[in-house]
Amino acid sequence: MIKKEWQWMLDYKQQKQKTMDKKPTIYCGGGKKMNDNWMTVTVHIDKVKEHVFDYKGNKYLKLNVNLKDQPDQFGKDVSLSVNTYNPDEQKEAAPVAKVSDSSDDLPF
């Protein structure tokens, strides 16, 4: 009875896993944390050209700025990557929970 009722959750988890497949991270630069409120970064333009987009006549680039746990061999403790999240890809139809009509269900 309960297993049948929660079958939709297994389908939901499988669907979520398909939509949550990770794309490879596109690292495009790095930098240093100078103090609590200031970081310097350098962007590798050739790596981000294809990710620049237009919005209302202006050009934009979405980046992720991450603080590293430890500096790398060059002393950089900030990494940059291209933000490739596209909400349109996530708009696939979400699975709908199945409602059971069996009379042996609990009311709660």
PDB file of N, CA and C in Angstrom:
ATOM      1  N   MET A   1       0.825  -1.185   0.000  1.00  0.00           N
ATOM      2  CA  MET A   1       0.000   0.000   0.000  1.00  0.00           C
ATOM      3  C   MET A   1       0.875   1.257   0.000  1.00  0.00           C
ATOM      4  N   ILE A   2       1.743   1.410   0.973  1.00  0.00           N
ATOM      5  CA  ILE A   2       2.579   2.600   1.049  1.00  0.00           C
ATOM      6  C   ILE A   2       3.579   2.631  -0.098  1.00  0.00           C
ATOM      7  N   LYS A   3       4.140   1.481  -0.405  1.00  0.00           N
ATOM      8  CA  LYS A   3       5.108   1.411  -1.501  1.00  0.00           C
ATOM      9  C   LYS A   3       4.476   1.900  -2.797  1.00  0.00           C
ATOM     10  N   LYS A   4       3.224   1.504  -3.025  1.00  0.00           N
ATOM     11  CA  LYS A   4       2.506   1.913  -4.224  1.00  0.00           C
ATOM     12  C   LYS A   4       2.274   3.426  -4.229  1.00  0.00           C
ATOM     13  N   GLU A   5       1.920   3.949  -3.058  1.00  0.00           N
ATOM     14  CA  GLU A   5       1.648   5.380  -2.947  1.00  0.00           C
ATOM     15  C   GLU A   5       2.891   6.210  -3.222  1.00  0.00           C
ATOM     16  N   TRP A   6       4.056   5.770  -2.794  1.00  0.00           N
ATOM     17  CA  TRP A   6       5.273   6.540  -2.915  1.00  0.00           C
ATOM     18  C   TRP A   6       6.057   6.224  -4.175  1.00  0.00           C
ATOM     19  N   GLN A   7       5.481   5.454  -5.061  1.00  0.00           N
ATOM     20  CA  GLN A   7       6.154   5.121  -6.314  1.00  0.00           C
ATOM     21  C   GLN A   7       6.465   6.391  -7.115  1.00  0.00           C
ATOM     22  N   TRP A   8       5.592   7.389  -7.010  1.00  0.00           N
ATOM     23  CA  TRP A   8       5.816   8.637  -7.742  1.00  0.00           C
ATOM     24  C   TRP A   8       7.118   9.294  -7.316  1.00  0.00           C
ATOM     25  N   MET A   9       7.524   9.106  -6.049  1.00  0.00           N
ATOM     26  CA  MET A   9       8.751   9.737  -5.573  1.00  0.00           C
ATOM     27  C   MET A   9       9.971   9.156  -6.284  1.00  0.00           C
ATOM     28  N   LEU A  10       9.959   7.850  -6.522  1.00  0.00           N
ATOM     29  CA  LEU A  10      11.073   7.248  -7.258  1.00  0.00           C
ATOM     30  C   LEU A  10      11.146   7.813  -8.666  1.00  0.00           C
ATOM     31  N   ASP A  11       9.995   7.973  -9.307  1.00  0.00           N
ATOM     32  CA  ASP A  11       9.959   8.560 -10.647  1.00  0.00           C
ATOM     33  C   ASP A  11      10.456   9.999 -10.611  1.00  0.00           C
ATOM     34  N   TYR A  12      10.056  10.734  -9.581  1.00  0.00           N
ATOM     35  CA  TYR A  12      10.475  12.121  -9.434  1.00  0.00           C
ATOM     36  C   TYR A  12      11.982  12.214  -9.260  1.00  0.00           C
ATOM     37  N   LYS A  13      12.552  11.360  -8.415  1.00  0.00           N
ATOM     38  CA  LYS A  13      13.997  11.378  -8.188  1.00  0.00           C
ATOM     39  C   LYS A  13      14.763  11.053  -9.464  1.00  0.00           C
ATOM     40  N   GLN A  14      14.254  10.095 -10.234  1.00  0.00           N
ATOM     41  CA  GLN A  14      14.923   9.747 -11.487  1.00  0.00           C
ATOM     42  C   GLN A  14      14.852  10.916 -12.462  1.00  0.00           C
ATOM     43  N   GLN A  15      13.699  11.574 -12.544  1.00  0.00           N
ATOM     44  CA  GLN A  15      13.551  12.719 -13.439  1.00  0.00           C
ATOM     45  C   GLN A  15      14.457  13.861 -12.992  1.00  0.00           C
ATOM     46  N   LYS A  16      14.520  14.086 -11.693  1.00  0.00           N
ATOM     47  CA  LYS A  16      15.368  15.152 -11.165  1.00  0.00           C
ATOM     48  C   LYS A  16      16.828  14.880 -11.481  1.00  0.00           C
ATOM     49  N   GLN A  17      17.242  13.623 -11.379  1.00  0.00           N
ATOM     50  CA  GLN A  17      18.627  13.266 -11.672  1.00  0.00           C
ATOM     51  C   GLN A  17      18.960  13.562 -13.132  1.00  0.00           C
ATOM     52  N   LYS A  18      18.002  13.310 -14.028  1.00  0.00           N
ATOM     53  CA  LYS A  18      18.240  13.589 -15.439  1.00  0.00           C
ATOM     54  C   LYS A  18      18.423  15.080 -15.682  1.00  0.00           C
ATOM     55  N   THR A  19      17.617  15.913 -14.996  1.00  0.00           N
ATOM     56  CA  THR A  19      17.704  17.349 -15.220  1.00  0.00           C
ATOM     57  C   THR A  19      18.862  17.967 -14.465  1.00  0.00           C
ATOM     58  N   MET A  20      19.372  17.284 -13.449  1.00  0.00           N
ATOM     59  CA  MET A  20      20.459  17.824 -12.643  1.00  0.00           C
ATOM     60  C   MET A  20      21.834  17.345 -13.119  1.00  0.00           C
ATOM     61  N   ASP A  21      21.878  16.650 -14.262  1.00  0.00           N
ATOM     62  CA  ASP A  21      23.173  16.204 -14.767  1.00  0.00           C
ATOM     63  C   ASP A  21      24.092  17.404 -14.894  1.00  0.00           C
ATOM     64  N   LYS A  22      25.276  17.268 -14.353  1.00  0.00           N
ATOM     65  CA  LYS A  22      26.213  18.386 -14.331  1.00  0.00           C
ATOM     66  C   LYS A  22      26.875  18.567 -15.687  1.00  0.00           C
ATOM     67  N   LYS A  23      26.969  19.805 -16.074  1.00  0.00           N
ATOM     68  CA  LYS A  23      27.735  20.156 -17.260  1.00  0.00           C
ATOM     69  C   LYS A  23      29.172  20.384 -16.793  1.00  0.00           C
ATOM     70  N   PRO A  24      30.123  20.207 -17.673  1.00  0.00           N
ATOM     71  CA  PRO A  24      31.503  20.461 -17.254  1.00  0.00           C
ATOM     72  C   PRO A  24      31.691  21.939 -16.889  1.00  0.00           C
ATOM     73  N   THR A  25      32.446  22.192 -15.842  1.00  0.00           N
ATOM     74  CA  THR A  25      32.715  23.562 -15.409  1.00  0.00           C
ATOM     75  C   THR A  25      33.704  24.210 -16.363  1.00  0.00           C
ATOM     76  N   ILE A  26      33.400  25.421 -16.765  1.00  0.00           N
ATOM     77  CA  ILE A  26      34.256  26.168 -17.686  1.00  0.00           C
ATOM     78  C   ILE A  26      35.012  27.206 -16.866  1.00  0.00           C
ATOM     79  N   TYR A  27      36.230  26.860 -16.446  1.00  0.00           N
ATOM     80  CA  TYR A  27      37.051  27.799 -15.691  1.00  0.00           C
ATOM     81  C   TYR A  27      37.603  28.845 -16.651  1.00  0.00           C
ATOM     82  N   CYS A  28      37.495  30.102 -16.254  1.00  0.00           N
ATOM     83  CA  CYS A  28      37.861  31.175 -17.170  1.00  0.00           C
ATOM     84  C   CYS A  28      38.734  32.243 -16.530  1.00  0.00           C
ATOM     85  N   GLY A  29      39.329  31.946 -15.399  1.00  0.00           N
ATOM     86  CA  GLY A  29      40.198  32.928 -14.781  1.00  0.00           C
ATOM     87  C   GLY A  29      40.378  32.671 -13.303  1.00  0.00           C
ATOM     88  N   GLY A  30      41.029  33.592 -12.652  1.00  0.00           N
ATOM     89  CA  GLY A  30      41.273  33.476 -11.228  1.00  0.00           C
ATOM     90  C   GLY A  30      41.661  34.816 -10.648  1.00  0.00           C
ATOM     91  N   GLY A  31      41.936  34.814  -9.359  1.00  0.00           N
ATOM     92  CA  GLY A  31      42.294  36.066  -8.726  1.00  0.00           C
ATOM     93  C   GLY A  31      42.718  35.865  -7.292  1.00  0.00           C
ATOM     94  N   LYS A  32      42.772  36.970  -6.564  1.00  0.00           N
ATOM     95  CA  LYS A  32      43.198  36.950  -5.166  1.00  0.00           C
ATOM     96  C   LYS A  32      42.216  37.744  -4.317  1.00  0.00           C
ATOM     97  N   LYS A  33      42.001  37.243  -3.118  1.00  0.00           N
ATOM     98  CA  LYS A  33      41.203  37.967  -2.135  1.00  0.00           C
ATOM     99  C   LYS A  33      42.142  38.932  -1.435  1.00  0.00           C
ATOM    100  N   MET A  34      41.873  40.217  -1.581  1.00  0.00           N
ATOM    101  CA  MET A  34      42.755  41.233  -1.021  1.00  0.00           C
ATOM    102  C   MET A  34      42.393  41.543   0.435  1.00  0.00           C
ATOM    103  N   ASN A  35      41.093  41.597   0.736  1.00  0.00           N
ATOM    104  CA  ASN A  35      40.598  41.734   2.101  1.00  0.00           C
ATOM    105  C   ASN A  35      39.160  41.203   2.123  1.00  0.00           C
ATOM    106  N   ASP A  36      38.446  41.396   3.204  1.00  0.00           N
ATOM    107  CA  ASP A  36      37.095  40.831   3.320  1.00  0.00           C
ATOM    108  C   ASP A  36      36.110  41.368   2.291  1.00  0.00           C
ATOM    109  N   ASN A  37      36.345  42.546   1.778  1.00  0.00           N
ATOM    110  CA  ASN A  37      35.403  43.178   0.858  1.00  0.00           C
ATOM    111  C   ASN A  37      35.934  43.386  -0.550  1.00  0.00           C
ATOM    112  N   TRP A  38      37.116  42.864  -0.859  1.00  0.00           N
ATOM    113  CA  TRP A  38      37.727  43.193  -2.142  1.00  0.00           C
ATOM    114  C   TRP A  38      38.486  42.004  -2.697  1.00  0.00           C
ATOM    115  N   MET A  39      38.185  41.686  -3.942  1.00  0.00           N
ATOM    116  CA  MET A  39      38.892  40.625  -4.671  1.00  0.00           C
ATOM    117  C   MET A  39      39.327  41.190  -6.013  1.00  0.00           C
ATOM    118  N   THR A  40      40.472  40.747  -6.489  1.00  0.00           N
ATOM    119  CA  THR A  40      40.899  41.094  -7.836  1.00  0.00           C
ATOM    120  C   THR A  40      40.832  39.821  -8.674  1.00  0.00           C
ATOM    121  N   VAL A  41      40.357  39.953  -9.898  1.00  0.00           N
ATOM    122  CA  VAL A  41      40.232  38.789 -10.774  1.00  0.00           C
ATOM    123  C   VAL A  41      40.688  39.144 -12.176  1.00  0.00           C
ATOM    124  N   THR A  42      41.078  38.119 -12.910  1.00  0.00           N
ATOM    125  CA  THR A  42      41.451  38.242 -14.313  1.00  0.00           C
ATOM    126  C   THR A  42      40.625  37.235 -15.092  1.00  0.00           C
ATOM    127  N   VAL A  43      40.012  37.690 -16.195  1.00  0.00           N
ATOM    128  CA  VAL A  43      39.144  36.839 -17.010  1.00  0.00           C
ATOM    129  C   VAL A  43      39.848  36.513 -18.317  1.00  0.00           C
ATOM    130  N   HIS A  44      39.844  35.236 -18.692  1.00  0.00           N
ATOM    131  CA  HIS A  44      40.401  34.778 -19.972  1.00  0.00           C
ATOM    132  C   HIS A  44      39.305  34.976 -21.022  1.00  0.00           C
ATOM    133  N   ILE A  45      39.406  36.035 -21.798  1.00  0.00           N
ATOM    134  CA  ILE A  45      38.354  36.444 -22.727  1.00  0.00           C
ATOM    135  C   ILE A  45      38.043  35.369 -23.774  1.00  0.00           C
ATOM    136  N   ASP A  46      39.061  34.693 -24.292  1.00  0.00           N
ATOM    137  CA  ASP A  46      38.822  33.688 -25.327  1.00  0.00           C
ATOM    138  C   ASP A  46      37.942  32.538 -24.823  1.00  0.00           C
ATOM    139  N   LYS A  47      37.993  32.248 -23.532  1.00  0.00           N
ATOM    140  CA  LYS A  47      37.190  31.157 -22.986  1.00  0.00           C
ATOM    141  C   LYS A  47      35.733  31.544 -22.751  1.00  0.00           C
ATOM    142  N   VAL A  48      35.438  32.845 -22.716  1.00  0.00           N
ATOM    143  CA  VAL A  48      34.070  33.275 -22.402  1.00  0.00           C
ATOM    144  C   VAL A  48      33.326  33.886 -23.582  1.00  0.00           C
ATOM    145  N   LYS A  49      33.977  34.083 -24.696  1.00  0.00           N
ATOM    146  CA  LYS A  49      33.347  34.752 -25.843  1.00  0.00           C
ATOM    147  C   LYS A  49      32.019  34.125 -26.238  1.00  0.00           C
ATOM    148  N   GLU A  50      31.966  32.814 -26.286  1.00  0.00           N
ATOM    149  CA  GLU A  50      30.743  32.146 -26.753  1.00  0.00           C
ATOM    150  C   GLU A  50      29.618  32.170 -25.717  1.00  0.00           C
ATOM    151  N   HIS A  51      29.890  32.646 -24.499  1.00  0.00           N
ATOM    152  CA  HIS A  51      28.880  32.687 -23.444  1.00  0.00           C
ATOM    153  C   HIS A  51      28.340  34.092 -23.191  1.00  0.00           C
ATOM    154  N   VAL A  52      28.810  35.072 -23.956  1.00  0.00           N
ATOM    155  CA  VAL A  52      28.306  36.432 -23.860  1.00  0.00           C
ATOM    156  C   VAL A  52      26.934  36.455 -24.531  1.00  0.00           C
ATOM    157  N   PHE A  53      25.960  37.116 -23.881  1.00  0.00           N
ATOM    158  CA  PHE A  53      24.621  37.178 -24.450  1.00  0.00           C
ATOM    159  C   PHE A  53      24.110  38.615 -24.438  1.00  0.00           C
ATOM    160  N   ASP A  54      23.154  38.880 -25.333  1.00  0.00           N
ATOM    161  CA  ASP A  54      22.547  40.205 -25.441  1.00  0.00           C
ATOM    162  C   ASP A  54      21.250  40.250 -24.658  1.00  0.00           C
ATOM    163  N   TYR A  55      21.019  41.359 -23.979  1.00  0.00           N
ATOM    164  CA  TYR A  55      19.758  41.597 -23.298  1.00  0.00           C
ATOM    165  C   TYR A  55      19.460  43.084 -23.386  1.00  0.00           C
ATOM    166  N   LYS A  56      18.381  43.401 -24.071  1.00  0.00           N
ATOM    167  CA  LYS A  56      17.950  44.793 -24.259  1.00  0.00           C
ATOM    168  C   LYS A  56      19.068  45.657 -24.827  1.00  0.00           C
ATOM    169  N   GLY A  57      19.791  45.109 -25.792  1.00  0.00           N
ATOM    170  CA  GLY A  57      20.826  45.862 -26.481  1.00  0.00           C
ATOM    171  C   GLY A  57      22.172  45.926 -25.783  1.00  0.00           C
ATOM    172  N   ASN A  58      22.297  45.294 -24.635  1.00  0.00           N
ATOM    173  CA  ASN A  58      23.562  45.288 -23.905  1.00  0.00           C
ATOM    174  C   ASN A  58      24.121  43.875 -23.860  1.00  0.00           C
ATOM    175  N   LYS A  59      25.428  43.751 -23.731  1.00  0.00           N
ATOM    176  CA  LYS A  59      26.079  42.443 -23.674  1.00  0.00           C
ATOM    177  C   LYS A  59      26.405  42.104 -22.227  1.00  0.00           C
ATOM    178  N   TYR A  60      26.128  40.844 -21.867  1.00  0.00           N
ATOM    179  CA  TYR A  60      26.346  40.388 -20.499  1.00  0.00           C
ATOM    180  C   TYR A  60      27.082  39.058 -20.490  1.00  0.00           C
ATOM    181  N   LEU A  61      27.693  38.770 -19.359  1.00  0.00           N
ATOM    182  CA  LEU A  61      28.358  37.495 -19.128  1.00  0.00           C
ATOM    183  C   LEU A  61      28.111  37.122 -17.680  1.00  0.00           C
ATOM    184  N   LYS A  62      27.569  35.930 -17.438  1.00  0.00           N
ATOM    185  CA  LYS A  62      27.307  35.487 -16.076  1.00  0.00           C
ATOM    186  C   LYS A  62      28.473  34.616 -15.607  1.00  0.00           C
ATOM    187  N   LEU A  63      29.054  34.996 -14.479  1.00  0.00           N
ATOM    188  CA  LEU A  63      30.198  34.279 -13.928  1.00  0.00           C
ATOM    189  C   LEU A  63      29.907  33.822 -12.500  1.00  0.00           C
ATOM    190  N   ASN A  64      30.550  32.746 -12.102  1.00  0.00           N
ATOM    191  CA  ASN A  64      30.554  32.295 -10.714  1.00  0.00           C
ATOM    192  C   ASN A  64      31.916  32.650 -10.135  1.00  0.00           C
ATOM    193  N   VAL A  65      31.923  33.295  -8.982  1.00  0.00           N
ATOM    194  CA  VAL A  65      33.160  33.649  -8.290  1.00  0.00           C
ATOM    195  C   VAL A  65      33.209  32.796  -7.030  1.00  0.00           C
ATOM    196  N   ASN A  66      34.256  31.985  -6.905  1.00  0.00           N
ATOM    197  CA  ASN A  66      34.379  31.068  -5.776  1.00  0.00           C
ATOM    198  C   ASN A  66      35.680  31.305  -5.037  1.00  0.00           C
ATOM    199  N   LEU A  67      35.594  31.289  -3.716  1.00  0.00           N
ATOM    200  CA  LEU A  67      36.792  31.384  -2.881  1.00  0.00           C
ATOM    201  C   LEU A  67      37.331  29.978  -2.666  1.00  0.00           C
ATOM    202  N   LYS A  68      38.610  29.797  -2.910  1.00  0.00           N
ATOM    203  CA  LYS A  68      39.247  28.488  -2.716  1.00  0.00           C
ATOM    204  C   LYS A  68      39.601  28.299  -1.239  1.00  0.00           C
ATOM    205  N   ASP A  69      39.655  27.045  -0.822  1.00  0.00           N
ATOM    206  CA  ASP A  69      40.054  26.741   0.555  1.00  0.00           C
ATOM    207  C   ASP A  69      41.516  27.096   0.801  1.00  0.00           C
ATOM    208  N   GLN A  70      42.344  26.846  -0.220  1.00  0.00           N
ATOM    209  CA  GLN A  70      43.771  27.139  -0.123  1.00  0.00           C
ATOM    210  C   GLN A  70      44.235  27.764  -1.425  1.00  0.00           C
ATOM    211  N   PRO A  71      45.202  28.651  -1.357  1.00  0.00           N
ATOM    212  CA  PRO A  71      45.745  29.227  -2.593  1.00  0.00           C
ATOM    213  C   PRO A  71      46.409  28.156  -3.458  1.00  0.00           C
ATOM    214  N   ASP A  72      46.359  28.357  -4.782  1.00  0.00           N
ATOM    215  CA  ASP A  72      47.016  27.415  -5.687  1.00  0.00           C
ATOM    216  C   ASP A  72      48.513  27.727  -5.762  1.00  0.00           C
ATOM    217  N   GLN A  73      49.204  27.087  -6.703  1.00  0.00           N
ATOM    218  CA  GLN A  73      50.654  27.255  -6.815  1.00  0.00           C
ATOM    219  C   GLN A  73      51.074  28.675  -7.173  1.00  0.00           C
ATOM    220  N   PHE A  74      50.119  29.468  -7.690  1.00  0.00           N
ATOM    221  CA  PHE A  74      50.426  30.851  -8.060  1.00  0.00           C
ATOM    222  C   PHE A  74      49.945  31.847  -7.005  1.00  0.00           C
ATOM    223  N   GLY A  75      49.432  31.351  -5.888  1.00  0.00           N
ATOM    224  CA  GLY A  75      48.948  32.210  -4.824  1.00  0.00           C
ATOM    225  C   GLY A  75      47.532  32.716  -5.017  1.00  0.00           C
ATOM    226  N   LYS A  76      46.822  32.193  -6.024  1.00  0.00           N
ATOM    227  CA  LYS A  76      45.455  32.643  -6.294  1.00  0.00           C
ATOM    228  C   LYS A  76      44.480  31.845  -5.434  1.00  0.00           C
ATOM    229  N   ASP A  77      43.609  32.570  -4.732  1.00  0.00           N
ATOM    230  CA  ASP A  77      42.627  31.905  -3.889  1.00  0.00           C
ATOM    231  C   ASP A  77      41.188  32.200  -4.310  1.00  0.00           C
ATOM    232  N   VAL A  78      41.022  32.712  -5.532  1.00  0.00           N
ATOM    233  CA  VAL A  78      39.709  32.972  -6.117  1.00  0.00           C
ATOM    234  C   VAL A  78      39.667  32.307  -7.483  1.00  0.00           C
ATOM    235  N   SER A  79      38.578  31.588  -7.776  1.00  0.00           N
ATOM    236  CA  SER A  79      38.435  30.993  -9.113  1.00  0.00           C
ATOM    237  C   SER A  79      37.185  31.539  -9.780  1.00  0.00           C
ATOM    238  N   LEU A  80      37.239  31.646 -11.087  1.00  0.00           N
ATOM    239  CA  LEU A  80      36.115  32.118 -11.895  1.00  0.00           C
ATOM    240  C   LEU A  80      35.678  31.004 -12.826  1.00  0.00           C
ATOM    241  N   SER A  81      34.372  30.857 -12.960  1.00  0.00           N
ATOM    242  CA  SER A  81      33.839  29.921 -13.944  1.00  0.00           C
ATOM    243  C   SER A  81      32.599  30.535 -14.571  1.00  0.00           C
ATOM    244  N   VAL A  82      32.280  30.090 -15.773  1.00  0.00           N
ATOM    245  CA  VAL A  82      31.119  30.598 -16.491  1.00  0.00           C
ATOM    246  C   VAL A  82      29.869  29.990 -15.871  1.00  0.00           C
ATOM    247  N   ASN A  83      28.878  30.819 -15.607  1.00  0.00           N
ATOM    248  CA  ASN A  83      27.599  30.344 -15.101  1.00  0.00           C
ATOM    249  C   ASN A  83      26.789  29.868 -16.298  1.00  0.00           C
ATOM    250  N   THR A  84      26.664  28.557 -16.460  1.00  0.00           N
ATOM    251  CA  THR A  84      25.974  27.986 -17.619  1.00  0.00           C
ATOM    252  C   THR A  84      24.536  27.606 -17.304  1.00  0.00           C
ATOM    253  N   TYR A  85      24.026  27.969 -16.115  1.00  0.00           N
ATOM    254  CA  TYR A  85      22.648  27.629 -15.757  1.00  0.00           C
ATOM    255  C   TYR A  85      21.686  28.293 -16.712  1.00  0.00           C
ATOM    256  N   ASN A  86      20.764  27.513 -17.236  1.00  0.00           N
ATOM    257  CA  ASN A  86      19.748  28.017 -18.146  1.00  0.00           C
ATOM    258  C   ASN A  86      18.392  27.574 -17.623  1.00  0.00           C
ATOM    259  N   PRO A  87      17.577  28.480 -17.079  1.00  0.00           N
ATOM    260  CA  PRO A  87      16.299  28.075 -16.498  1.00  0.00           C
ATOM    261  C   PRO A  87      15.353  27.460 -17.516  1.00  0.00           C
ATOM    262  N   ASP A  88      15.513  27.754 -18.786  1.00  0.00           N
ATOM    263  CA  ASP A  88      14.642  27.166 -19.808  1.00  0.00           C
ATOM    264  C   ASP A  88      14.812  25.658 -19.886  1.00  0.00           C
ATOM    265  N   GLU A  89      16.009  25.162 -19.595  1.00  0.00           N
ATOM    266  CA  GLU A  89      16.245  23.719 -19.620  1.00  0.00           C
ATOM    267  C   GLU A  89      15.536  23.016 -18.481  1.00  0.00           C
ATOM    268  N   GLN A  90      15.242  23.729 -17.396  1.00  0.00           N
ATOM    269  CA  GLN A  90      14.606  23.144 -16.221  1.00  0.00           C
ATOM    270  C   GLN A  90      13.086  23.184 -16.298  1.00  0.00           C
ATOM    271  N   LYS A  91      12.520  23.772 -17.337  1.00  0.00           N
ATOM    272  CA  LYS A  91      11.076  23.934 -17.423  1.00  0.00           C
ATOM    273  C   LYS A  91      10.354  22.714 -17.982  1.00  0.00           C
ATOM    274  N   GLU A  92      11.026  21.585 -18.003  1.00  0.00           N
ATOM    275  CA  GLU A  92      10.365  20.370 -18.452  1.00  0.00           C
ATOM    276  C   GLU A  92       9.251  20.052 -17.480  1.00  0.00           C
ATOM    277  N   ALA A  93       8.255  19.349 -17.951  1.00  0.00           N
ATOM    278  CA  ALA A  93       7.107  19.026 -17.109  1.00  0.00           C
ATOM    279  C   ALA A  93       7.534  18.185 -15.913  1.00  0.00           C
ATOM    280  N   ALA A  94       7.171  18.655 -14.743  1.00  0.00           N
ATOM    281  CA  ALA A  94       7.484  17.915 -13.522  1.00  0.00           C
ATOM    282  C   ALA A  94       6.468  16.794 -13.359  1.00  0.00           C
ATOM    283  N   PRO A  95       6.904  15.644 -12.848  1.00  0.00           N
ATOM    284  CA  PRO A  95       5.963  14.547 -12.661  1.00  0.00           C
ATOM    285  C   PRO A  95       4.893  14.922 -11.642  1.00  0.00           C
ATOM    286  N   VAL A  96       3.690  14.476 -11.908  1.00  0.00           N
ATOM    287  CA  VAL A  96       2.558  14.766 -11.042  1.00  0.00           C
ATOM    288  C   VAL A  96       2.327  13.579 -10.133  1.00  0.00           C
ATOM    289  N   ALA A  97       2.066  13.849  -8.870  1.00  0.00           N
ATOM    290  CA  ALA A  97       1.830  12.774  -7.901  1.00  0.00           C
ATOM    291  C   ALA A  97       0.543  12.046  -8.245  1.00  0.00           C
ATOM    292  N   LYS A  98       0.600  10.724  -8.170  1.00  0.00           N
ATOM    293  CA  LYS A  98      -0.577   9.909  -8.426  1.00  0.00           C
ATOM    294  C   LYS A  98      -1.380   9.803  -7.143  1.00  0.00           C
ATOM    295  N   VAL A  99      -2.673   9.956  -7.246  1.00  0.00           N
ATOM    296  CA  VAL A  99      -3.551   9.847  -6.088  1.00  0.00           C
ATOM    297  C   VAL A  99      -4.246   8.499  -6.158  1.00  0.00           C
ATOM    298  N   SER A 100      -4.193   7.790  -5.056  1.00  0.00           N
ATOM    299  CA  SER A 100      -4.790   6.463  -5.010  1.00  0.00           C
ATOM    300  C   SER A 100      -6.256   6.559  -4.613  1.00  0.00           C
ATOM    301  N   ASP A 101      -7.088   5.721  -5.237  1.00  0.00           N
ATOM    302  CA  ASP A 101      -8.511   5.681  -4.916  1.00  0.00           C
ATOM    303  C   ASP A 101      -8.855   4.511  -4.012  1.00  0.00           C
ATOM    304  N   SER A 102      -7.860   3.826  -3.496  1.00  0.00           N
ATOM    305  CA  SER A 102      -8.142   2.662  -2.670  1.00  0.00           C
ATOM    306  C   SER A 102      -8.735   3.080  -1.332  1.00  0.00           C
ATOM    307  N   SER A 103      -9.615   2.271  -0.819  1.00  0.00           N
ATOM    308  CA  SER A 103     -10.319   2.612   0.407  1.00  0.00           C
ATOM    309  C   SER A 103      -9.543   2.239   1.656  1.00  0.00           C
ATOM    310  N   ASP A 104      -8.437   1.520   1.533  1.00  0.00           N
ATOM    311  CA  ASP A 104      -7.680   1.098   2.708  1.00  0.00           C
ATOM    312  C   ASP A 104      -6.586   2.104   3.097  1.00  0.00           C
ATOM    313  N   ASP A 105      -6.631   3.303   2.511  1.00  0.00           N
ATOM    314  CA  ASP A 105      -5.652   4.322   2.852  1.00  0.00           C
ATOM    315  C   ASP A 105      -5.983   4.991   4.163  1.00  0.00           C
ATOM    316  N   LEU A 106      -4.966   5.470   4.813  1.00  0.00           N
ATOM    317  CA  LEU A 106      -5.163   6.260   6.021  1.00  0.00           C
ATOM    318  C   LEU A 106      -5.516   7.675   5.614  1.00  0.00           C
ATOM    319  N   PRO A 107      -6.325   8.367   6.386  1.00  0.00           N
ATOM    320  CA  PRO A 107      -6.778   9.717   5.995  1.00  0.00           C
ATOM    321  C   PRO A 107      -5.718  10.791   6.168  1.00  0.00           C
ATOM    322  N   PHE A 108      -4.559  10.465   6.697  1.00  0.00           N
ATOM    323  CA  PHE A 108      -3.534  11.485   6.896  1.00  0.00           C
ATOM    324  C   PHE A 108      -2.259  11.113   6.255  1.00  0.00           C
TER     325      PHE A 108
END
